[in-house]
Every structure is written in structure tokens, then in C-alpha cells.
PDB file of N, CA and C in Angstrom:
ATOM      1  N   MET A   1     105.393-116.957 204.310  1.00  0.00           N
ATOM      2  CA  MET A   1     104.962-116.162 203.237  1.00  0.00           C
ATOM      3  C   MET A   1     104.259-114.817 204.494  1.00  0.00           C
ATOM      4  N   TYR A   2     104.986-113.512 203.294  1.00  0.00           N
ATOM      5  CA  TYR A   2     105.190-112.061 204.158  1.00  0.00           C
ATOM      6  C   TYR A   2     104.197-111.120 203.087  1.00  0.00           C
ATOM      7  N   THR A   3     104.542-111.381 201.749  1.00  0.00           N
ATOM      8  CA  THR A   3     104.248-110.966 200.814  1.00  0.00           C
ATOM      9  C   THR A   3     103.299-111.366 199.678  1.00  0.00           C
ATOM     10  N   TYR A   4     102.881-110.833 198.948  1.00  0.00           N
ATOM     11  CA  TYR A   4     102.179-111.021 197.453  1.00  0.00           C
ATOM     12  C   TYR A   4     102.873-111.792 196.699  1.00  0.00           C
ATOM     13  N   TYR A   5     104.153-111.483 196.710  1.00  0.00           N
ATOM     14  CA  TYR A   5     105.000-112.376 195.638  1.00  0.00           C
ATOM     15  C   TYR A   5     105.848-113.669 196.397  1.00  0.00           C
ATOM     16  N   ASP A   6     105.878-113.769 198.147  1.00  0.00           N
ATOM     17  CA  ASP A   6     106.044-114.887 198.409  1.00  0.00           C
ATOM     18  C   ASP A   6     104.433-115.568 198.356  1.00  0.00           C
ATOM     19  N   LEU A   7     103.526-115.112 198.288  1.00  0.00           N
ATOM     20  CA  LEU A   7     102.266-116.083 197.668  1.00  0.00           C
ATOM     21  C   LEU A   7     101.840-116.030 196.895  1.00  0.00           C
ATOM     22  N   LEU A   8     102.564-115.958 195.438  1.00  0.00           N
ATOM     23  CA  LEU A   8     102.442-115.949 194.373  1.00  0.00           C
ATOM     24  C   LEU A   8     103.449-117.386 193.882  1.00  0.00           C
ATOM     25  N   GLN A   9     104.669-117.119 194.501  1.00  0.00           N
ATOM     26  CA  GLN A   9     105.577-118.326 194.378  1.00  0.00           C
ATOM     27  C   GLN A   9     105.037-119.903 195.167  1.00  0.00           C
ATOM     28  N   GLN A  10     104.391-119.469 196.547  1.00  0.00           N
ATOM     29  CA  GLN A  10     104.000-120.512 197.015  1.00  0.00           C
ATOM     30  C   GLN A  10     103.151-121.488 195.949  1.00  0.00           C
ATOM     31  N   ILE A  11     101.887-120.883 195.410  1.00  0.00           N
ATOM     32  CA  ILE A  11     100.799-121.365 194.584  1.00  0.00           C
ATOM     33  C   ILE A  11     101.549-121.735 193.713  1.00  0.00           C
ATOM     34  N   ARG A  12     102.357-120.898 193.124  1.00  0.00           N
ATOM     35  CA  ARG A  12     103.167-121.438 191.769  1.00  0.00           C
ATOM     36  C   ARG A  12     104.124-123.025 191.690  1.00  0.00           C
ATOM     37  N   LYS A  13     104.085-123.806 193.357  1.00  0.00           N
ATOM     38  CA  LYS A  13     104.977-124.560 193.601  1.00  0.00           C
ATOM     39  C   LYS A  13     104.066-125.724 193.617  1.00  0.00           C
ATOM     40  N   TYR A  14     102.626-125.551 193.060  1.00  0.00           N
ATOM     41  CA  TYR A  14     101.705-126.372 193.030  1.00  0.00           C
ATOM     42  C   TYR A  14     100.954-126.482 191.856  1.00  0.00           C
ATOM     43  N   GLY A  15     101.584-125.188 190.728  1.00  0.00           N
ATOM     44  CA  GLY A  15     101.486-125.511 189.093  1.00  0.00           C
ATOM     45  C   GLY A  15     100.534-124.757 188.449  1.00  0.00           C
ATOM     46  N   SER A  16     100.213-123.522 189.686  1.00  0.00           N
ATOM     47  CA  SER A  16      99.575-122.877 189.580  1.00  0.00           C
ATOM     48  C   SER A  16     100.016-121.311 189.178  1.00  0.00           C
ATOM     49  N   PHE A  17      99.812-120.963 188.077  1.00  0.00           N
ATOM     50  CA  PHE A  17     100.164-119.483 187.345  1.00  0.00           C
ATOM     51  C   PHE A  17      98.913-118.779 187.087  1.00  0.00           C
ATOM     52  N   ILE A  18      98.831-117.533 187.958  1.00  0.00           N
ATOM     53  CA  ILE A  18      98.168-116.605 187.899  1.00  0.00           C
ATOM     54  C   ILE A  18      98.258-115.385 187.247  1.00  0.00           C
ATOM     55  N   TYR A  19      98.137-114.862 186.131  1.00  0.00           N
ATOM     56  CA  TYR A  19      98.288-113.706 185.758  1.00  0.00           C
ATOM     57  C   TYR A  19      97.169-113.188 184.791  1.00  0.00           C
ATOM     58  N   THR A  20      96.313-112.422 184.674  1.00  0.00           N
ATOM     59  CA  THR A  20      95.024-111.797 183.840  1.00  0.00           C
ATOM     60  C   THR A  20      95.555-110.605 183.175  1.00  0.00           C
ATOM     61  N   GLY A  21      96.232-109.848 183.892  1.00  0.00           N
ATOM     62  CA  GLY A  21      96.313-108.462 183.570  1.00  0.00           C
ATOM     63  C   GLY A  21      95.765-107.374 184.225  1.00  0.00           C
ATOM     64  N   ASN A  22      94.769-108.016 185.147  1.00  0.00           N
ATOM     65  CA  ASN A  22      93.952-107.404 186.164  1.00  0.00           C
ATOM     66  C   ASN A  22      94.162-107.548 187.171  1.00  0.00           C
ATOM     67  N   LYS A  23      94.608-107.005 188.301  1.00  0.00           N
ATOM     68  CA  LYS A  23      95.240-107.140 189.600  1.00  0.00           C
ATOM     69  C   LYS A  23      93.832-107.613 190.325  1.00  0.00           C
ATOM     70  N   GLU A  24      92.705-106.952 190.230  1.00  0.00           N
ATOM     71  CA  GLU A  24      91.318-107.606 190.886  1.00  0.00           C
ATOM     72  C   GLU A  24      91.282-108.962 190.578  1.00  0.00           C
ATOM     73  N   LEU A  25      90.847-109.002 189.602  1.00  0.00           N
ATOM     74  CA  LEU A  25      90.976-110.339 189.076  1.00  0.00           C
ATOM     75  C   LEU A  25      91.440-111.826 189.469  1.00  0.00           C
ATOM     76  N   ASP A  26      93.218-111.018 189.290  1.00  0.00           N
ATOM     77  CA  ASP A  26      94.323-111.934 189.776  1.00  0.00           C
ATOM     78  C   ASP A  26      93.684-112.464 191.035  1.00  0.00           C
ATOM     79  N   LEU A  27      93.329-111.278 192.366  1.00  0.00           N
ATOM     80  CA  LEU A  27      93.250-111.598 193.511  1.00  0.00           C
ATOM     81  C   LEU A  27      92.332-112.792 193.619  1.00  0.00           C
ATOM     82  N   ALA A  28      90.757-112.768 193.125  1.00  0.00           N
ATOM     83  CA  ALA A  28      90.139-113.384 193.404  1.00  0.00           C
ATOM     84  C   ALA A  28      89.911-114.583 192.767  1.00  0.00           C
ATOM     85  N   LEU A  29      91.261-114.665 191.458  1.00  0.00           N
ATOM     86  CA  LEU A  29      91.482-116.014 191.139  1.00  0.00           C
ATOM     87  C   LEU A  29      92.814-116.525 192.302  1.00  0.00           C
ATOM     88  N   ILE A  30      93.322-116.389 192.780  1.00  0.00           N
ATOM     89  CA  ILE A  30      94.357-116.555 194.124  1.00  0.00           C
ATOM     90  C   ILE A  30      93.556-116.677 194.865  1.00  0.00           C
ATOM     91  N   GLN A  31      92.918-116.432 195.106  1.00  0.00           N
ATOM     92  CA  GLN A  31      91.779-116.670 196.765  1.00  0.00           C
ATOM     93  C   GLN A  31      91.584-117.591 196.388  1.00  0.00           C
ATOM     94  N   GLU A  32      90.819-118.253 195.262  1.00  0.00           N
ATOM     95  CA  GLU A  32      90.278-119.496 195.201  1.00  0.00           C
ATOM     96  C   GLU A  32      91.155-120.595 195.062  1.00  0.00           C
ATOM     97  N   GLU A  33      92.037-120.442 194.412  1.00  0.00           N
ATOM     98  CA  GLU A  33      93.563-121.126 194.647  1.00  0.00           C
ATOM     99  C   GLU A  33      93.930-122.019 195.702  1.00  0.00           C
ATOM    100  N   VAL A  34      94.105-120.739 196.740  1.00  0.00           N
ATOM    101  CA  VAL A  34      94.537-121.114 198.438  1.00  0.00           C
ATOM    102  C   VAL A  34      93.004-121.614 198.689  1.00  0.00           C
ATOM    103  N   LYS A  35      92.624-121.348 198.574  1.00  0.00           N
ATOM    104  CA  LYS A  35      91.054-122.427 199.392  1.00  0.00           C
ATOM    105  C   LYS A  35      90.914-123.622 198.625  1.00  0.00           C
ATOM    106  N   ALA A  36      91.699-124.258 197.296  1.00  0.00           N
ATOM    107  CA  ALA A  36      91.373-125.119 197.213  1.00  0.00           C
ATOM    108  C   ALA A  36      92.681-125.848 197.557  1.00  0.00           C
ATOM    109  N   LEU A  37      93.850-125.130 197.543  1.00  0.00           N
ATOM    110  CA  LEU A  37      94.699-125.643 198.739  1.00  0.00           C
ATOM    111  C   LEU A  37      94.617-125.986 199.178  1.00  0.00           C
ATOM    112  N   LYS A  38      93.979-125.546 200.652  1.00  0.00           N
ATOM    113  CA  LYS A  38      93.515-125.577 202.230  1.00  0.00           C
ATOM    114  C   LYS A  38      92.751-127.078 202.001  1.00  0.00           C
ATOM    115  N   THR A  39      91.928-126.698 201.228  1.00  0.00           N
ATOM    116  CA  THR A  39      90.905-127.907 201.234  1.00  0.00           C
ATOM    117  C   THR A  39      91.540-129.598 200.707  1.00  0.00           C
ATOM    118  N   ASN A  40      92.237-129.189 199.953  1.00  0.00           N
ATOM    119  CA  ASN A  40      92.958-130.483 199.391  1.00  0.00           C
ATOM    120  C   ASN A  40      94.132-130.989 200.805  1.00  0.00           C
ATOM    121  N   GLY A  41      94.317-130.286 201.539  1.00  0.00           N
ATOM    122  CA  GLY A  41      95.235-130.191 202.965  1.00  0.00           C
ATOM    123  C   GLY A  41      96.821-129.998 202.302  1.00  0.00           C
ATOM    124  N   LEU A  42      96.912-129.192 201.145  1.00  0.00           N
ATOM    125  CA  LEU A  42      98.184-128.599 200.560  1.00  0.00           C
ATOM    126  C   LEU A  42      98.981-127.536 201.372  1.00  0.00           C
ATOM    127  N   LEU A  43      98.053-126.739 202.362  1.00  0.00           N
ATOM    128  CA  LEU A  43      98.357-125.886 203.164  1.00  0.00           C
ATOM    129  C   LEU A  43      97.815-125.815 204.229  1.00  0.00           C
ATOM    130  N   SER A  44      99.145-125.329 205.137  1.00  0.00           N
ATOM    131  CA  SER A  44      98.401-125.869 206.789  1.00  0.00           C
ATOM    132  C   SER A  44      97.274-124.196 207.125  1.00  0.00           C
ATOM    133  N   SER A  45      97.077-124.693 208.455  1.00  0.00           N
ATOM    134  CA  SER A  45      96.130-123.629 208.715  1.00  0.00           C
ATOM    135  C   SER A  45      96.621-122.263 209.026  1.00  0.00           C
ATOM    136  N   LYS A  46      98.141-122.103 209.654  1.00  0.00           N
ATOM    137  CA  LYS A  46      99.088-120.750 209.461  1.00  0.00           C
ATOM    138  C   LYS A  46      99.041-120.187 207.992  1.00  0.00           C
ATOM    139  N   GLU A  47      99.386-121.265 207.090  1.00  0.00           N
ATOM    140  CA  GLU A  47      99.740-120.709 205.687  1.00  0.00           C
ATOM    141  C   GLU A  47      98.624-119.885 205.008  1.00  0.00           C
ATOM    142  N   TYR A  48      96.881-120.961 205.290  1.00  0.00           N
ATOM    143  CA  TYR A  48      96.284-120.351 204.725  1.00  0.00           C
ATOM    144  C   TYR A  48      95.510-118.703 205.203  1.00  0.00           C
ATOM    145  N   ARG A  49      95.981-118.838 206.576  1.00  0.00           N
ATOM    146  CA  ARG A  49      95.795-117.309 207.539  1.00  0.00           C
ATOM    147  C   ARG A  49      96.456-116.606 206.798  1.00  0.00           C
ATOM    148  N   GLN A  50      98.028-116.862 206.816  1.00  0.00           N
ATOM    149  CA  GLN A  50      98.628-115.821 206.046  1.00  0.00           C
ATOM    150  C   GLN A  50      98.124-115.394 204.638  1.00  0.00           C
ATOM    151  N   ALA A  51      97.814-116.487 204.020  1.00  0.00           N
ATOM    152  CA  ALA A  51      97.740-116.134 202.422  1.00  0.00           C
ATOM    153  C   ALA A  51      96.380-115.095 201.994  1.00  0.00           C
ATOM    154  N   MET A  52      95.184-115.130 203.422  1.00  0.00           N
ATOM    155  CA  MET A  52      93.948-114.520 203.273  1.00  0.00           C
ATOM    156  C   MET A  52      94.554-113.444 203.748  1.00  0.00           C
ATOM    157  N   ALA A  53      95.086-113.069 204.454  1.00  0.00           N
ATOM    158  CA  ALA A  53      95.686-112.204 205.048  1.00  0.00           C
ATOM    159  C   ALA A  53      96.428-111.257 203.772  1.00  0.00           C
ATOM    160  N   ILE A  54      97.078-111.694 203.202  1.00  0.00           N
ATOM    161  CA  ILE A  54      98.122-110.619 202.087  1.00  0.00           C
ATOM    162  C   ILE A  54      97.244-110.329 201.225  1.00  0.00           C
ATOM    163  N   ILE A  55      96.105-111.614 200.748  1.00  0.00           N
ATOM    164  CA  ILE A  55      94.919-111.347 200.121  1.00  0.00           C
ATOM    165  C   ILE A  55      94.120-109.777 200.198  1.00  0.00           C
ATOM    166  N   LEU A  56      93.640-110.046 201.570  1.00  0.00           N
ATOM    167  CA  LEU A  56      93.275-108.700 201.844  1.00  0.00           C
ATOM    168  C   LEU A  56      93.767-107.614 201.926  1.00  0.00           C
ATOM    169  N   LYS A  57      95.050-107.157 202.477  1.00  0.00           N
ATOM    170  CA  LYS A  57      95.870-106.338 201.719  1.00  0.00           C
ATOM    171  C   LYS A  57      95.973-106.084 200.891  1.00  0.00           C
ATOM    172  N   GLU A  58      96.189-106.837 200.099  1.00  0.00           N
ATOM    173  CA  GLU A  58      96.410-106.306 198.447  1.00  0.00           C
ATOM    174  C   GLU A  58      94.935-105.495 197.747  1.00  0.00           C
ATOM    175  N   LYS A  59      94.025-106.423 197.980  1.00  0.00           N
ATOM    176  CA  LYS A  59      92.377-105.635 197.799  1.00  0.00           C
ATOM    177  C   LYS A  59      92.177-104.037 198.445  1.00  0.00           C
ATOM    178  N   ASN A  60      92.618-104.421 199.581  1.00  0.00           N
ATOM    179  CA  ASN A  60      92.280-102.977 200.102  1.00  0.00           C
ATOM    180  C   ASN A  60      93.292-101.682 199.496  1.00  0.00           C
ATOM    181  N   ALA A  61      94.557-102.236 199.082  1.00  0.00           N
ATOM    182  CA  ALA A  61      95.471-100.981 198.529  1.00  0.00           C
ATOM    183  C   ALA A  61      94.698-100.996 197.009  1.00  0.00           C
ATOM    184  N   GLU A  62      93.612-101.868 196.799  1.00  0.00           N
ATOM    185  CA  GLU A  62      93.837-101.443 195.181  1.00  0.00           C
ATOM    186  C   GLU A  62      92.791-100.547 195.251  1.00  0.00           C
ATOM    187  N   MET A  63      92.039-100.266 196.302  1.00  0.00           N
ATOM    188  CA  MET A  63      90.936 -99.573 196.462  1.00  0.00           C
ATOM    189  C   MET A  63      91.364 -98.306 196.212  1.00  0.00           C
TER     190      MET A  63
END
């Protein structure tokens, strides 16, 4: 998982489709979904760290 698109594809594997039309809100919802996937053991620690880094990068790009 290296890009925002890869992250979206990863969470779609688990049935989550997130699109609100507002990227800032999308990122907040994706972050919550990633945390839930990690809590439920569906993401490894490495995948979780990569996902959070992608989210942070996208949030910084929005500023």
C-alpha cells in the first residue's frame, strides 16, 4: 500500500466505500475505518502504519 488509491482499494476489500465529496471528511472517515480494521485484526501493524502515513500525507496536501 503506497498511495491514497491503494488505501481506498484496501478498505474496499472489507466492504467500505467512502466518498462524501469532501476530501477532508473522507480522510477522517477513512482514518476511523482503518482504526477499526486494525482493532479487529484485519490489518497488520505494518499495513496500519502505512495507511496512517498515507492519510497524514493527504491531509497535509489539502492544507
